N, C-alpha and C. Protein backbone atom coordinates (compact mmCIF):
# COMPACT_ATOMS: atom_id res chain seq x y z
N MET A 1 -64.08 176.11 -142.12
CA MET A 1 -62.95 176.64 -141.38
C MET A 1 -63.34 176.92 -139.93
N MET A 2 -64.52 177.52 -139.73
CA MET A 2 -64.97 177.83 -138.38
C MET A 2 -65.14 176.55 -137.56
N LYS A 3 -65.65 175.51 -138.18
CA LYS A 3 -65.84 174.24 -137.49
C LYS A 3 -64.49 173.69 -137.02
N ASN A 4 -63.48 173.83 -137.86
CA ASN A 4 -62.14 173.36 -137.53
C ASN A 4 -61.59 174.08 -136.30
N MET A 5 -61.80 175.39 -136.22
CA MET A 5 -61.31 176.17 -135.09
C MET A 5 -62.03 175.77 -133.81
N MET A 6 -63.33 175.54 -133.90
CA MET A 6 -64.08 175.14 -132.71
C MET A 6 -63.64 173.78 -132.22
N GLY A 7 -63.34 172.88 -133.13
CA GLY A 7 -62.85 171.57 -132.74
C GLY A 7 -61.52 171.67 -132.01
N GLY A 8 -60.66 172.59 -132.46
CA GLY A 8 -59.38 172.81 -131.80
C GLY A 8 -59.57 173.36 -130.40
N ASN A 9 -60.53 174.26 -130.23
CA ASN A 9 -60.81 174.82 -128.90
C ASN A 9 -61.35 173.75 -127.95
N ALA A 10 -62.18 172.86 -128.47
CA ALA A 10 -62.71 171.78 -127.64
C ALA A 10 -61.58 170.87 -127.18
N GLY A 11 -60.66 170.58 -128.07
CA GLY A 11 -59.51 169.74 -127.72
C GLY A 11 -58.64 170.42 -126.68
N MET A 12 -58.45 171.74 -126.82
CA MET A 12 -57.64 172.48 -125.85
C MET A 12 -58.35 172.51 -124.50
N LEU A 13 -59.66 172.68 -124.51
CA LEU A 13 -60.41 172.69 -123.27
C LEU A 13 -60.31 171.34 -122.57
N LYS A 14 -60.41 170.27 -123.33
CA LYS A 14 -60.28 168.94 -122.76
C LYS A 14 -58.89 168.74 -122.15
N GLN A 15 -57.87 169.22 -122.86
CA GLN A 15 -56.50 169.11 -122.36
C GLN A 15 -56.34 169.90 -121.05
N LEU A 16 -56.93 171.10 -121.00
CA LEU A 16 -56.87 171.90 -119.78
C LEU A 16 -57.58 171.20 -118.62
N GLN A 17 -58.71 170.59 -118.88
CA GLN A 17 -59.45 169.89 -117.84
C GLN A 17 -58.67 168.69 -117.33
N GLU A 18 -58.00 167.98 -118.22
CA GLU A 18 -57.18 166.84 -117.81
C GLU A 18 -56.01 167.30 -116.95
N MET A 19 -55.39 168.40 -117.35
CA MET A 19 -54.26 168.94 -116.59
C MET A 19 -54.73 169.39 -115.21
N GLN A 20 -55.91 170.00 -115.15
CA GLN A 20 -56.46 170.45 -113.86
C GLN A 20 -56.71 169.25 -112.95
N ALA A 21 -57.23 168.17 -113.48
CA ALA A 21 -57.47 166.96 -112.69
C ALA A 21 -56.14 166.38 -112.19
N GLN A 22 -55.13 166.37 -113.05
CA GLN A 22 -53.81 165.86 -112.66
C GLN A 22 -53.20 166.75 -111.58
N LEU A 23 -53.39 168.06 -111.69
CA LEU A 23 -52.87 168.99 -110.70
C LEU A 23 -53.53 168.76 -109.34
N LYS A 24 -54.83 168.58 -109.33
CA LYS A 24 -55.54 168.31 -108.07
C LYS A 24 -55.05 167.01 -107.44
N LYS A 25 -54.83 166.00 -108.27
CA LYS A 25 -54.33 164.72 -107.77
C LYS A 25 -52.94 164.90 -107.16
N ALA A 26 -52.07 165.63 -107.85
CA ALA A 26 -50.72 165.86 -107.35
C ALA A 26 -50.76 166.65 -106.04
N GLN A 27 -51.65 167.63 -105.94
CA GLN A 27 -51.76 168.41 -104.71
C GLN A 27 -52.21 167.54 -103.55
N LYS A 28 -53.15 166.64 -103.78
CA LYS A 28 -53.60 165.73 -102.72
C LYS A 28 -52.47 164.81 -102.28
N GLU A 29 -51.67 164.33 -103.24
CA GLU A 29 -50.53 163.49 -102.90
C GLU A 29 -49.52 164.27 -102.06
N LEU A 30 -49.28 165.54 -102.42
CA LEU A 30 -48.35 166.37 -101.67
C LEU A 30 -48.80 166.60 -100.24
N GLU A 31 -50.10 166.66 -100.03
CA GLU A 31 -50.64 166.84 -98.67
C GLU A 31 -50.33 165.64 -97.78
N LYS A 32 -50.15 164.46 -98.40
CA LYS A 32 -49.92 163.23 -97.64
C LYS A 32 -48.43 162.94 -97.42
N GLU A 33 -47.57 163.46 -98.30
CA GLU A 33 -46.14 163.19 -98.19
C GLU A 33 -45.50 164.16 -97.21
N THR A 34 -44.47 163.68 -96.51
CA THR A 34 -43.78 164.54 -95.56
C THR A 34 -42.27 164.50 -95.79
N VAL A 35 -41.63 165.57 -95.36
CA VAL A 35 -40.18 165.67 -95.35
C VAL A 35 -39.77 166.15 -93.97
N THR A 36 -38.54 165.87 -93.59
CA THR A 36 -38.05 166.28 -92.28
C THR A 36 -36.82 167.15 -92.45
N GLY A 37 -36.88 168.30 -91.81
CA GLY A 37 -35.72 169.18 -91.75
C GLY A 37 -35.11 169.06 -90.38
N SER A 38 -33.79 169.23 -90.29
CA SER A 38 -33.16 169.11 -88.98
C SER A 38 -32.05 170.14 -88.83
N ALA A 39 -31.67 170.34 -87.57
CA ALA A 39 -30.59 171.27 -87.25
C ALA A 39 -29.95 170.82 -85.95
N GLY A 40 -28.74 171.29 -85.72
CA GLY A 40 -28.05 170.96 -84.48
C GLY A 40 -27.73 169.50 -84.34
N GLY A 41 -27.39 168.84 -85.44
CA GLY A 41 -27.06 167.42 -85.37
C GLY A 41 -28.22 166.56 -84.90
N GLY A 42 -29.43 166.96 -85.27
CA GLY A 42 -30.62 166.20 -84.87
C GLY A 42 -31.24 166.67 -83.56
N ALA A 43 -30.73 167.76 -83.01
CA ALA A 43 -31.31 168.29 -81.77
C ALA A 43 -32.75 168.75 -82.01
N VAL A 44 -32.98 169.28 -83.23
CA VAL A 44 -34.31 169.77 -83.60
C VAL A 44 -34.68 169.17 -84.95
N GLU A 45 -35.89 168.66 -85.05
CA GLU A 45 -36.43 168.17 -86.31
C GLU A 45 -37.80 168.77 -86.51
N VAL A 46 -38.08 169.16 -87.76
CA VAL A 46 -39.37 169.70 -88.12
C VAL A 46 -39.90 168.89 -89.29
N VAL A 47 -41.13 168.43 -89.18
CA VAL A 47 -41.76 167.65 -90.24
C VAL A 47 -42.79 168.54 -90.94
N VAL A 48 -42.68 168.57 -92.28
CA VAL A 48 -43.55 169.41 -93.10
C VAL A 48 -44.09 168.55 -94.24
N THR A 49 -45.35 168.80 -94.62
CA THR A 49 -45.92 168.08 -95.76
C THR A 49 -45.42 168.70 -97.06
N GLY A 50 -45.67 168.00 -98.14
CA GLY A 50 -45.34 168.52 -99.47
C GLY A 50 -46.16 169.75 -99.81
N ALA A 51 -47.26 169.96 -99.08
CA ALA A 51 -48.09 171.16 -99.24
C ALA A 51 -47.65 172.26 -98.28
N GLN A 52 -46.52 172.06 -97.64
CA GLN A 52 -45.86 173.03 -96.76
C GLN A 52 -46.65 173.35 -95.49
N LYS A 53 -47.24 172.33 -94.91
CA LYS A 53 -47.89 172.44 -93.60
C LYS A 53 -47.02 171.73 -92.58
N CYS A 54 -46.73 172.40 -91.48
CA CYS A 54 -45.93 171.80 -90.42
C CYS A 54 -46.78 170.81 -89.66
N THR A 55 -46.30 169.58 -89.51
CA THR A 55 -47.07 168.56 -88.79
C THR A 55 -46.42 168.14 -87.48
N ALA A 56 -45.13 168.44 -87.31
CA ALA A 56 -44.47 168.05 -86.06
C ALA A 56 -43.18 168.83 -85.86
N VAL A 57 -42.88 169.06 -84.59
CA VAL A 57 -41.59 169.62 -84.18
C VAL A 57 -41.08 168.69 -83.08
N ARG A 58 -39.88 168.16 -83.29
CA ARG A 58 -39.31 167.23 -82.31
C ARG A 58 -38.02 167.81 -81.76
N LEU A 59 -37.87 167.72 -80.45
CA LEU A 59 -36.66 168.18 -79.78
C LEU A 59 -36.02 166.99 -79.07
N ASP A 60 -34.72 166.84 -79.24
CA ASP A 60 -33.98 165.81 -78.53
C ASP A 60 -33.67 166.37 -77.15
N GLY A 61 -34.36 165.87 -76.14
CA GLY A 61 -34.24 166.38 -74.78
C GLY A 61 -32.82 166.44 -74.26
N GLU A 62 -32.04 165.42 -74.57
CA GLU A 62 -30.65 165.39 -74.10
C GLU A 62 -29.81 166.51 -74.73
N LYS A 63 -30.05 166.77 -76.02
CA LYS A 63 -29.24 167.76 -76.72
C LYS A 63 -29.67 169.19 -76.43
N VAL A 64 -30.93 169.40 -76.09
CA VAL A 64 -31.41 170.78 -75.90
C VAL A 64 -31.54 171.17 -74.43
N ARG A 65 -31.32 170.23 -73.54
CA ARG A 65 -31.53 170.45 -72.11
C ARG A 65 -30.82 171.70 -71.57
N GLU A 66 -29.56 171.85 -71.87
CA GLU A 66 -28.76 172.96 -71.34
C GLU A 66 -28.65 174.14 -72.32
N MET A 67 -29.40 174.08 -73.41
CA MET A 67 -29.28 175.07 -74.46
C MET A 67 -29.95 176.39 -74.07
N LYS A 68 -29.33 177.48 -74.45
CA LYS A 68 -29.93 178.79 -74.24
C LYS A 68 -31.14 178.94 -75.16
N THR A 69 -32.12 179.68 -74.71
CA THR A 69 -33.34 179.89 -75.48
C THR A 69 -33.05 180.41 -76.88
N GLU A 70 -32.15 181.38 -76.99
CA GLU A 70 -31.83 181.96 -78.30
C GLU A 70 -31.26 180.91 -79.24
N ASN A 71 -30.43 180.03 -78.72
CA ASN A 71 -29.85 178.98 -79.55
C ASN A 71 -30.91 177.98 -80.01
N LEU A 72 -31.80 177.62 -79.11
CA LEU A 72 -32.87 176.70 -79.45
C LEU A 72 -33.79 177.31 -80.51
N GLN A 73 -34.11 178.58 -80.34
CA GLN A 73 -34.95 179.27 -81.32
C GLN A 73 -34.28 179.27 -82.70
N ALA A 74 -33.00 179.52 -82.72
CA ALA A 74 -32.26 179.53 -83.98
C ALA A 74 -32.28 178.15 -84.63
N LEU A 75 -32.13 177.10 -83.84
CA LEU A 75 -32.15 175.74 -84.38
C LEU A 75 -33.53 175.38 -84.93
N VAL A 76 -34.58 175.80 -84.23
CA VAL A 76 -35.94 175.54 -84.73
C VAL A 76 -36.12 176.24 -86.07
N MET A 77 -35.69 177.48 -86.17
CA MET A 77 -35.80 178.23 -87.42
C MET A 77 -35.01 177.54 -88.54
N LEU A 78 -33.79 177.12 -88.25
CA LEU A 78 -32.97 176.43 -89.26
C LEU A 78 -33.62 175.12 -89.71
N ALA A 79 -34.13 174.36 -88.75
CA ALA A 79 -34.78 173.09 -89.09
C ALA A 79 -36.03 173.32 -89.92
N PHE A 80 -36.79 174.34 -89.56
CA PHE A 80 -38.02 174.65 -90.31
C PHE A 80 -37.67 175.07 -91.74
N ASN A 81 -36.67 175.92 -91.89
CA ASN A 81 -36.26 176.34 -93.24
C ASN A 81 -35.73 175.17 -94.05
N ASP A 82 -35.02 174.26 -93.40
CA ASP A 82 -34.53 173.05 -94.08
C ASP A 82 -35.71 172.21 -94.57
N ALA A 83 -36.71 172.06 -93.72
CA ALA A 83 -37.89 171.29 -94.10
C ALA A 83 -38.64 171.97 -95.24
N LEU A 84 -38.77 173.29 -95.19
CA LEU A 84 -39.46 174.02 -96.28
C LEU A 84 -38.71 173.87 -97.60
N ASP A 85 -37.39 173.93 -97.56
CA ASP A 85 -36.61 173.74 -98.78
C ASP A 85 -36.87 172.35 -99.37
N LYS A 86 -36.87 171.34 -98.52
CA LYS A 86 -37.13 169.97 -98.98
C LYS A 86 -38.55 169.85 -99.52
N SER A 87 -39.49 170.51 -98.87
CA SER A 87 -40.88 170.48 -99.31
C SER A 87 -41.03 171.13 -100.69
N ARG A 88 -40.35 172.24 -100.90
CA ARG A 88 -40.41 172.91 -102.20
C ARG A 88 -39.82 172.03 -103.30
N LYS A 89 -38.74 171.34 -102.99
CA LYS A 89 -38.13 170.43 -103.98
C LYS A 89 -39.08 169.28 -104.31
N LEU A 90 -39.74 168.75 -103.28
CA LEU A 90 -40.71 167.69 -103.49
C LEU A 90 -41.85 168.18 -104.36
N MET A 91 -42.33 169.39 -104.08
CA MET A 91 -43.42 169.97 -104.86
C MET A 91 -42.99 170.16 -106.32
N ALA A 92 -41.81 170.68 -106.53
CA ALA A 92 -41.31 170.89 -107.90
C ALA A 92 -41.20 169.57 -108.64
N LYS A 93 -40.74 168.54 -107.95
CA LYS A 93 -40.60 167.22 -108.57
C LYS A 93 -41.96 166.66 -108.97
N LYS A 94 -42.96 166.83 -108.08
CA LYS A 94 -44.30 166.31 -108.35
C LYS A 94 -45.00 167.09 -109.47
N LEU A 95 -44.79 168.40 -109.50
CA LEU A 95 -45.52 169.23 -110.45
C LEU A 95 -44.81 169.44 -111.77
N SER A 96 -43.51 169.16 -111.86
CA SER A 96 -42.77 169.40 -113.10
C SER A 96 -43.31 168.60 -114.29
N PRO A 97 -43.74 167.36 -114.13
CA PRO A 97 -44.30 166.65 -115.29
C PRO A 97 -45.56 167.33 -115.83
N LEU A 98 -46.29 168.02 -114.98
CA LEU A 98 -47.52 168.69 -115.41
C LEU A 98 -47.20 169.95 -116.20
N SER A 99 -46.12 170.63 -115.86
CA SER A 99 -45.80 171.87 -116.55
C SER A 99 -45.37 171.63 -118.00
N GLY A 100 -44.93 170.42 -118.31
CA GLY A 100 -44.56 170.10 -119.69
C GLY A 100 -45.72 170.18 -120.63
N GLY A 101 -46.93 169.93 -120.15
CA GLY A 101 -48.12 170.00 -120.99
C GLY A 101 -48.52 171.41 -121.35
N LEU A 102 -47.98 172.39 -120.66
CA LEU A 102 -48.35 173.78 -120.95
C LEU A 102 -47.73 174.28 -122.24
N GLY A 103 -46.65 173.66 -122.68
CA GLY A 103 -45.99 174.08 -123.90
C GLY A 103 -46.87 173.91 -125.13
N GLY A 104 -47.76 172.94 -125.13
CA GLY A 104 -48.63 172.69 -126.27
C GLY A 104 -49.78 173.67 -126.38
N LEU A 105 -49.92 174.55 -125.40
CA LEU A 105 -51.04 175.48 -125.43
C LEU A 105 -50.73 176.75 -126.19
N GLY A 106 -49.46 177.03 -126.40
CA GLY A 106 -49.08 178.30 -127.02
C GLY A 106 -49.25 178.34 -128.51
């Protein structure tokens, strides 16, 4: 009986190690993928990775030229939040297949 239990633990450990490797792979993929958030009809764009790192902020010079500072700041914030929302969705999509394996551990 004890041997049987140890064999089950070894199988669970192997499953956990495989899931950890898959998680690391998914995280590396997320670091390479990007999403773009925008505001003001494209006046401001923010590019964020799937790991939620900002890689670029783009301003359309024609659209922001006469804009008040407060309005531009608000658009940057809106674009950044849009990009973060998209990044979170991308992360959830990438990681959701991995969370299904956790049900077998209980």
